[in-house]
Amino acid sequence: WGEAPWSLVLLSFPAITASAREILSESSQLIGERVTGIQELAERARRLLLWQVLTLIPIAVLLTILFTVLIIKPLRQIDQSIRRLGDGRFSQEITVGGPTDLRELGRRLEWMRQRLLALENQKVSFLRHVSHELKTPLTTIREGSELLKEQVVGSLNEEQGEIVNVLKQQSLKLQKLIEDLLRFSTLELDSQRLQREPVALEELIREVTASHKLAARSRSI
């Protein structure tokens, strides 16, 4: 009676071993299926990631182009507008596209252009009025010096004649300076039309000396 259970246990070992082997086989098969599934899932994820990368490249290019159109182009327009204002070219209207902030900045620049243009026109108008007011007494001085030079009111000695010549020359020079000032105020709006030329320094010194001759004589210089 005591040995019967052990004999039954020994007899059941082959069945237990077969069951264990079957469980091990099924576990290995299940693990293999799971590993295969994970590999397939990883492959699908890799393919999906690859497609996403390939899709993001043209999107990035499109975003770059969009950024260039929306940001860089308006910035160039603003830069060109500021350069024109700096050069004194106020005739061309300022228009800036792009985002709202840049368009607002463009409107501010346009307002500044209009103000500068109005101020420039006022300056030119002021110079014209001043030159016109100066020409009237200047013409009287020049005509008076001509009469004195022609000795209409009486003969002049050598020093008086020299003084009359200086008055006439200075009145003509003043008239030329007024005309040059008007021309310069007009050319200043278009600096490209200005022409720079060398100046004969010796001749300039003679002219300056002659223009100060009366002042030098009054101070015994």
C-alpha atoms as a PDB file:
ATOM      1  CA  TRP A   1       0.000   0.000   0.000  1.00  0.00           C
ATOM      2  CA  GLY A   2       2.850   2.377   0.767  1.00  0.00           C
ATOM      3  CA  GLU A   3       4.556   1.778  -2.577  1.00  0.00           C
ATOM      4  CA  ALA A   4       1.440   2.141  -4.755  1.00  0.00           C
ATOM      5  CA  PRO A   5       1.358   5.996  -4.890  1.00  0.00           C
ATOM      6  CA  TRP A   6       5.017   6.208  -5.868  1.00  0.00           C
ATOM      7  CA  SER A   7       4.482   3.769  -8.642  1.00  0.00           C
ATOM      8  CA  LEU A   8       1.606   5.879  -9.868  1.00  0.00           C
ATOM      9  CA  VAL A   9       3.820   8.973  -9.781  1.00  0.00           C
ATOM     10  CA  LEU A  10       6.533   7.208 -11.705  1.00  0.00           C
ATOM     11  CA  LEU A  11       4.005   6.051 -14.219  1.00  0.00           C
ATOM     12  CA  SER A  12       2.697   9.632 -14.675  1.00  0.00           C
ATOM     13  CA  PHE A  13       6.182  11.137 -15.451  1.00  0.00           C
ATOM     14  CA  PRO A  14       6.042  10.463 -19.189  1.00  0.00           C
ATOM     15  CA  ALA A  15       2.674  12.168 -19.426  1.00  0.00           C
ATOM     16  CA  ILE A  16       3.915  15.146 -17.392  1.00  0.00           C
ATOM     17  CA  THR A  17       7.045  15.357 -19.516  1.00  0.00           C
ATOM     18  CA  ALA A  18       5.002  15.266 -22.721  1.00  0.00           C
ATOM     19  CA  SER A  19       2.731  18.008 -21.363  1.00  0.00           C
ATOM     20  CA  ALA A  20       5.744  20.106 -20.411  1.00  0.00           C
ATOM     21  CA  ARG A  21       7.232  19.666 -23.844  1.00  0.00           C
ATOM     22  CA  GLU A  22       3.915  20.595 -25.433  1.00  0.00           C
ATOM     23  CA  ILE A  23       3.648  23.700 -23.215  1.00  0.00           C
ATOM     24  CA  LEU A  24       7.260  24.629 -24.083  1.00  0.00           C
ATOM     25  CA  SER A  25       6.559  24.170 -27.777  1.00  0.00           C
ATOM     26  CA  GLU A  26       3.416  26.261 -27.626  1.00  0.00           C
ATOM     27  CA  SER A  27       5.242  28.935 -25.575  1.00  0.00           C
ATOM     28  CA  SER A  28       8.092  29.035 -28.102  1.00  0.00           C
ATOM     29  CA  GLN A  29       5.595  29.273 -30.953  1.00  0.00           C
ATOM     30  CA  LEU A  30       3.680  32.039 -29.163  1.00  0.00           C
ATOM     31  CA  ILE A  31       6.897  33.936 -28.412  1.00  0.00           C
ATOM     32  CA  GLY A  32       7.961  33.545 -32.031  1.00  0.00           C
ATOM     33  CA  GLU A  33       4.633  34.899 -33.232  1.00  0.00           C
ATOM     34  CA  ARG A  34       4.911  37.827 -30.824  1.00  0.00           C
ATOM     35  CA  VAL A  35       8.473  38.563 -31.962  1.00  0.00           C
ATOM     36  CA  THR A  36       7.378  38.373 -35.591  1.00  0.00           C
ATOM     37  CA  GLY A  37       4.505  40.726 -34.840  1.00  0.00           C
ATOM     38  CA  ILE A  38       6.843  43.165 -33.101  1.00  0.00           C
ATOM     39  CA  GLN A  39       9.255  43.030 -36.044  1.00  0.00           C
ATOM     40  CA  GLU A  40       6.430  43.662 -38.488  1.00  0.00           C
ATOM     41  CA  LEU A  41       5.210  46.536 -36.311  1.00  0.00           C
ATOM     42  CA  ALA A  42       8.750  47.976 -36.187  1.00  0.00           C
ATOM     43  CA  GLU A  43       9.032  47.662 -39.972  1.00  0.00           C
ATOM     44  CA  ARG A  44       5.728  49.454 -40.448  1.00  0.00           C
ATOM     45  CA  ALA A  45       6.853  52.162 -38.038  1.00  0.00           C
ATOM     46  CA  ARG A  46      10.145  52.507 -39.938  1.00  0.00           C
ATOM     47  CA  ARG A  47       8.304  52.826 -43.250  1.00  0.00           C
ATOM     48  CA  LEU A  48       5.867  55.326 -41.747  1.00  0.00           C
ATOM     49  CA  LEU A  49       8.743  57.382 -40.368  1.00  0.00           C
ATOM     50  CA  LEU A  50      10.485  57.276 -43.752  1.00  0.00           C
ATOM     51  CA  TRP A  51       7.345  58.492 -45.512  1.00  0.00           C
ATOM     52  CA  GLN A  52       6.944  61.233 -42.924  1.00  0.00           C
ATOM     53  CA  VAL A  53      10.522  62.376 -43.490  1.00  0.00           C
ATOM     54  CA  LEU A  54      10.042  62.349 -47.268  1.00  0.00           C
ATOM     55  CA  THR A  55       6.828  64.307 -46.809  1.00  0.00           C
ATOM     56  CA  LEU A  56       8.413  66.857 -44.476  1.00  0.00           C
ATOM     57  CA  ILE A  57      11.175  67.737 -46.953  1.00  0.00           C
ATOM     58  CA  PRO A  58       8.879  69.364 -49.561  1.00  0.00           C
ATOM     59  CA  ILE A  59       6.845  70.923 -46.741  1.00  0.00           C
ATOM     60  CA  ALA A  60      10.035  72.476 -45.370  1.00  0.00           C
ATOM     61  CA  VAL A  61      10.921  73.755 -48.854  1.00  0.00           C
ATOM     62  CA  LEU A  62       7.441  75.232 -49.263  1.00  0.00           C
ATOM     63  CA  LEU A  63       7.676  76.876 -45.843  1.00  0.00           C
ATOM     64  CA  THR A  64      11.044  78.344 -46.782  1.00  0.00           C
ATOM     65  CA  ILE A  65       9.613  79.774 -49.991  1.00  0.00           C
ATOM     66  CA  LEU A  66       6.608  81.091 -48.092  1.00  0.00           C
ATOM     67  CA  PHE A  67       8.893  82.677 -45.511  1.00  0.00           C
ATOM     68  CA  THR A  68      10.921  84.298 -48.283  1.00  0.00           C
ATOM     69  CA  VAL A  69       7.833  85.712 -49.962  1.00  0.00           C
ATOM     70  CA  LEU A  70       6.118  86.892 -46.777  1.00  0.00           C
ATOM     71  CA  ILE A  71       9.121  88.174 -44.827  1.00  0.00           C
ATOM     72  CA  ILE A  72      12.251  88.685 -46.942  1.00  0.00           C
ATOM     73  CA  LYS A  73      10.536  90.494 -49.822  1.00  0.00           C
ATOM     74  CA  PRO A  74       8.802  93.071 -47.567  1.00  0.00           C
ATOM     75  CA  LEU A  75      12.073  93.628 -45.704  1.00  0.00           C
ATOM     76  CA  ARG A  76      13.788  94.354 -48.997  1.00  0.00           C
ATOM     77  CA  GLN A  77      11.019  96.773 -49.910  1.00  0.00           C
ATOM     78  CA  ILE A  78      11.482  98.554 -46.576  1.00  0.00           C
ATOM     79  CA  ASP A  79      15.261  98.701 -47.072  1.00  0.00           C
ATOM     80  CA  GLN A  80      14.895 100.140 -50.582  1.00  0.00           C
ATOM     81  CA  SER A  81      12.347 102.695 -49.366  1.00  0.00           C
ATOM     82  CA  ILE A  82      14.643 103.863 -46.560  1.00  0.00           C
ATOM     83  CA  ARG A  83      17.533 104.187 -49.034  1.00  0.00           C
ATOM     84  CA  ARG A  84      15.378 106.314 -51.353  1.00  0.00           C
ATOM     85  CA  LEU A  85      14.397 108.561 -48.467  1.00  0.00           C
ATOM     86  CA  GLY A  86      18.044 108.870 -47.480  1.00  0.00           C
ATOM     87  CA  ASP A  87      18.957 109.884 -51.043  1.00  0.00           C
ATOM     88  CA  GLY A  88      16.240 112.546 -51.058  1.00  0.00           C
ATOM     89  CA  ARG A  89      14.056 110.791 -53.627  1.00  0.00           C
ATOM     90  CA  PHE A  90      10.563 111.505 -52.328  1.00  0.00           C
ATOM     91  CA  SER A  91       8.549 111.182 -55.537  1.00  0.00           C
ATOM     92  CA  GLN A  92       7.998 107.392 -55.529  1.00  0.00           C
ATOM     93  CA  GLU A  93       5.199 106.088 -53.325  1.00  0.00           C
ATOM     94  CA  ILE A  94       6.171 103.548 -50.655  1.00  0.00           C
ATOM     95  CA  THR A  95       4.202 100.287 -50.679  1.00  0.00           C
ATOM     96  CA  VAL A  96       5.117  97.315 -48.484  1.00  0.00           C
ATOM     97  CA  GLY A  97       3.366  93.924 -48.496  1.00  0.00           C
ATOM     98  CA  GLY A  98       3.636  90.918 -46.214  1.00  0.00           C
ATOM     99  CA  PRO A  99       2.406  90.493 -42.626  1.00  0.00           C
ATOM    100  CA  THR A 100       0.327  93.120 -40.856  1.00  0.00           C
ATOM    101  CA  ASP A 101       3.234  94.556 -38.842  1.00  0.00           C
ATOM    102  CA  LEU A 102       5.369  95.068 -41.938  1.00  0.00           C
ATOM    103  CA  ARG A 103       2.480  96.647 -43.850  1.00  0.00           C
ATOM    104  CA  GLU A 104       1.939  99.029 -40.935  1.00  0.00           C
ATOM    105  CA  LEU A 105       5.640  99.931 -41.013  1.00  0.00           C
ATOM    106  CA  GLY A 106       5.307 100.588 -44.754  1.00  0.00           C
ATOM    107  CA  ARG A 107       2.401 102.964 -44.102  1.00  0.00           C
ATOM    108  CA  ARG A 108       4.513 104.802 -41.538  1.00  0.00           C
ATOM    109  CA  LEU A 109       7.310 105.179 -44.077  1.00  0.00           C
ATOM    110  CA  GLU A 110       4.827 106.483 -46.648  1.00  0.00           C
ATOM    111  CA  TRP A 111       3.594 109.052 -44.114  1.00  0.00           C
ATOM    112  CA  MET A 112       7.201 110.078 -43.488  1.00  0.00           C
ATOM    113  CA  ARG A 113       7.808 110.373 -47.250  1.00  0.00           C
ATOM    114  CA  GLN A 114       4.840 112.682 -47.656  1.00  0.00           C
ATOM    115  CA  ARG A 115       5.973 114.849 -44.742  1.00  0.00           C
ATOM    116  CA  LEU A 116       9.514 115.094 -46.110  1.00  0.00           C
ATOM    117  CA  LEU A 117       8.195 115.921 -49.573  1.00  0.00           C
ATOM    118  CA  ALA A 118       5.972 118.656 -48.134  1.00  0.00           C
ATOM    119  CA  LEU A 119       8.883 120.107 -46.152  1.00  0.00           C
ATOM    120  CA  GLU A 120      11.121 120.012 -49.223  1.00  0.00           C
ATOM    121  CA  ASN A 121       8.503 121.819 -51.304  1.00  0.00           C
ATOM    122  CA  GLN A 122       8.112 124.417 -48.562  1.00  0.00           C
ATOM    123  CA  LYS A 123      11.877 124.940 -48.495  1.00  0.00           C
ATOM    124  CA  VAL A 124      12.067 125.405 -52.261  1.00  0.00           C
ATOM    125  CA  SER A 125       9.094 127.787 -52.182  1.00  0.00           C
ATOM    126  CA  PHE A 126      10.700 129.762 -49.345  1.00  0.00           C
ATOM    127  CA  LEU A 127      13.982 130.056 -51.237  1.00  0.00           C
ATOM    128  CA  ARG A 128      12.169 131.247 -54.341  1.00  0.00           C
ATOM    129  CA  HIS A 129      10.312 133.950 -52.406  1.00  0.00           C
ATOM    130  CA  VAL A 130      13.460 135.060 -50.615  1.00  0.00           C
ATOM    131  CA  SER A 131      15.457 135.198 -53.833  1.00  0.00           C
ATOM    132  CA  HIS A 132      12.698 137.216 -55.484  1.00  0.00           C
ATOM    133  CA  GLU A 133      12.658 139.659 -52.584  1.00  0.00           C
ATOM    134  CA  LEU A 134      16.460 139.940 -52.695  1.00  0.00           C
ATOM    135  CA  LYS A 135      16.615 140.514 -56.437  1.00  0.00           C
ATOM    136  CA  THR A 136      14.670 143.781 -56.271  1.00  0.00           C
ATOM    137  CA  PRO A 137      17.074 145.715 -53.988  1.00  0.00           C
ATOM    138  CA  LEU A 138      20.010 143.938 -55.622  1.00  0.00           C
ATOM    139  CA  THR A 139      18.921 145.221 -59.034  1.00  0.00           C
ATOM    140  CA  THR A 140      18.682 148.734 -57.597  1.00  0.00           C
ATOM    141  CA  ILE A 141      22.210 148.491 -56.182  1.00  0.00           C
ATOM    142  CA  ARG A 142      23.574 147.190 -59.487  1.00  0.00           C
ATOM    143  CA  GLU A 143      21.861 149.922 -61.501  1.00  0.00           C
ATOM    144  CA  GLY A 144      23.086 152.571 -59.040  1.00  0.00           C
ATOM    145  CA  SER A 145      26.653 151.311 -59.345  1.00  0.00           C
ATOM    146  CA  GLU A 146      26.301 151.409 -63.125  1.00  0.00           C
ATOM    147  CA  LEU A 147      25.189 155.056 -62.952  1.00  0.00           C
ATOM    148  CA  LEU A 148      28.083 155.896 -60.675  1.00  0.00           C
ATOM    149  CA  LYS A 149      30.523 154.112 -62.950  1.00  0.00           C
ATOM    150  CA  GLU A 150      29.220 156.000 -65.975  1.00  0.00           C
ATOM    151  CA  GLN A 151      29.687 159.231 -63.945  1.00  0.00           C
ATOM    152  CA  VAL A 152      26.100 160.294 -64.562  1.00  0.00           C
ATOM    153  CA  VAL A 153      25.952 162.147 -61.255  1.00  0.00           C
ATOM    154  CA  GLY A 154      29.463 163.492 -61.474  1.00  0.00           C
ATOM    155  CA  SER A 155      33.067 162.522 -62.046  1.00  0.00           C
ATOM    156  CA  LEU A 156      34.801 160.057 -59.757  1.00  0.00           C
ATOM    157  CA  ASN A 157      38.376 159.881 -58.682  1.00  0.00           C
ATOM    158  CA  GLU A 158      40.423 156.685 -58.963  1.00  0.00           C
ATOM    159  CA  GLU A 159      39.579 155.324 -55.515  1.00  0.00           C
ATOM    160  CA  GLN A 160      35.866 156.083 -55.932  1.00  0.00           C
ATOM    161  CA  GLY A 161      35.864 154.341 -59.299  1.00  0.00           C
ATOM    162  CA  GLU A 162      37.546 151.316 -57.735  1.00  0.00           C
ATOM    163  CA  ILE A 163      34.896 151.198 -55.002  1.00  0.00           C
ATOM    164  CA  VAL A 164      32.134 151.414 -57.603  1.00  0.00           C
ATOM    165  CA  ASN A 165      33.693 148.526 -59.527  1.00  0.00           C
ATOM    166  CA  VAL A 166      33.819 146.433 -56.370  1.00  0.00           C
ATOM    167  CA  LEU A 167      30.137 147.198 -55.648  1.00  0.00           C
ATOM    168  CA  LYS A 168      29.167 146.201 -59.147  1.00  0.00           C
ATOM    169  CA  GLN A 169      31.172 142.973 -59.075  1.00  0.00           C
ATOM    170  CA  GLN A 170      29.796 142.010 -55.660  1.00  0.00           C
ATOM    171  CA  SER A 171      26.210 142.720 -56.704  1.00  0.00           C
ATOM    172  CA  LEU A 172      26.682 140.497 -59.764  1.00  0.00           C
ATOM    173  CA  LYS A 173      28.269 137.827 -57.580  1.00  0.00           C
ATOM    174  CA  LEU A 174      25.401 138.008 -55.089  1.00  0.00           C
ATOM    175  CA  GLN A 175      22.885 137.625 -57.883  1.00  0.00           C
ATOM    176  CA  LYS A 176      24.763 134.565 -59.175  1.00  0.00           C
ATOM    177  CA  LEU A 177      24.845 133.089 -55.651  1.00  0.00           C
ATOM    178  CA  ILE A 178      21.080 133.476 -55.352  1.00  0.00           C
ATOM    179  CA  GLU A 179      20.548 131.764 -58.700  1.00  0.00           C
ATOM    180  CA  ASP A 180      22.972 128.979 -57.718  1.00  0.00           C
ATOM    181  CA  LEU A 181      21.110 128.510 -54.449  1.00  0.00           C
ATOM    182  CA  LEU A 182      17.846 128.031 -56.312  1.00  0.00           C
ATOM    183  CA  ARG A 183      19.416 125.567 -58.728  1.00  0.00           C
ATOM    184  CA  PHE A 184      21.040 123.661 -55.885  1.00  0.00           C
ATOM    185  CA  SER A 185      17.760 123.344 -53.978  1.00  0.00           C
ATOM    186  CA  THR A 186      16.252 121.795 -57.106  1.00  0.00           C
ATOM    187  CA  LEU A 187      19.189 119.483 -57.846  1.00  0.00           C
ATOM    188  CA  GLU A 188      19.365 118.413 -54.213  1.00  0.00           C
ATOM    189  CA  LEU A 189      16.276 116.269 -54.783  1.00  0.00           C
ATOM    190  CA  ASP A 190      18.210 114.312 -57.398  1.00  0.00           C
ATOM    191  CA  SER A 191      21.798 113.934 -56.225  1.00  0.00           C
ATOM    192  CA  GLN A 192      22.678 111.869 -59.309  1.00  0.00           C
ATOM    193  CA  ARG A 193      22.464 115.003 -61.490  1.00  0.00           C
ATOM    194  CA  LEU A 194      25.120 116.826 -59.466  1.00  0.00           C
ATOM    195  CA  GLN A 195      28.465 117.089 -61.258  1.00  0.00           C
ATOM    196  CA  ARG A 196      31.632 117.613 -59.244  1.00  0.00           C
ATOM    197  CA  GLU A 197      34.451 119.499 -60.901  1.00  0.00           C
ATOM    198  CA  PRO A 198      37.948 120.558 -59.796  1.00  0.00           C
ATOM    199  CA  VAL A 199      38.368 124.182 -58.698  1.00  0.00           C
ATOM    200  CA  ALA A 200      41.292 126.439 -59.614  1.00  0.00           C
ATOM    201  CA  LEU A 201      42.459 127.387 -56.119  1.00  0.00           C
ATOM    202  CA  GLU A 202      44.582 130.374 -57.212  1.00  0.00           C
ATOM    203  CA  GLU A 203      41.660 131.957 -59.066  1.00  0.00           C
ATOM    204  CA  LEU A 204      39.367 131.291 -56.108  1.00  0.00           C
ATOM    205  CA  ILE A 205      41.818 133.033 -53.779  1.00  0.00           C
ATOM    206  CA  ARG A 206      41.892 136.078 -56.068  1.00  0.00           C
ATOM    207  CA  GLU A 207      38.091 136.253 -56.084  1.00  0.00           C
ATOM    208  CA  VAL A 208      37.857 135.973 -52.302  1.00  0.00           C
ATOM    209  CA  THR A 209      40.568 138.603 -51.847  1.00  0.00           C
ATOM    210  CA  ALA A 210      38.828 140.983 -54.233  1.00  0.00           C
ATOM    211  CA  SER A 211      35.476 140.524 -52.495  1.00  0.00           C
ATOM    212  CA  HIS A 212      37.047 141.547 -49.155  1.00  0.00           C
ATOM    213  CA  LYS A 213      39.047 144.447 -50.548  1.00  0.00           C
ATOM    214  CA  LEU A 214      36.800 147.191 -49.141  1.00  0.00           C
ATOM    215  CA  ALA A 215      36.652 145.595 -45.687  1.00  0.00           C
ATOM    216  CA  ALA A 216      40.436 145.208 -45.699  1.00  0.00           C
ATOM    217  CA  ARG A 217      40.937 148.854 -46.736  1.00  0.00           C
ATOM    218  CA  SER A 218      38.588 150.123 -44.020  1.00  0.00           C
ATOM    219  CA  ARG A 219      40.787 148.312 -41.478  1.00  0.00           C
ATOM    220  CA  SER A 220      44.004 149.499 -43.135  1.00  0.00           C
ATOM    221  CA  ILE A 221      44.990 145.964 -44.133  1.00  0.00           C
END
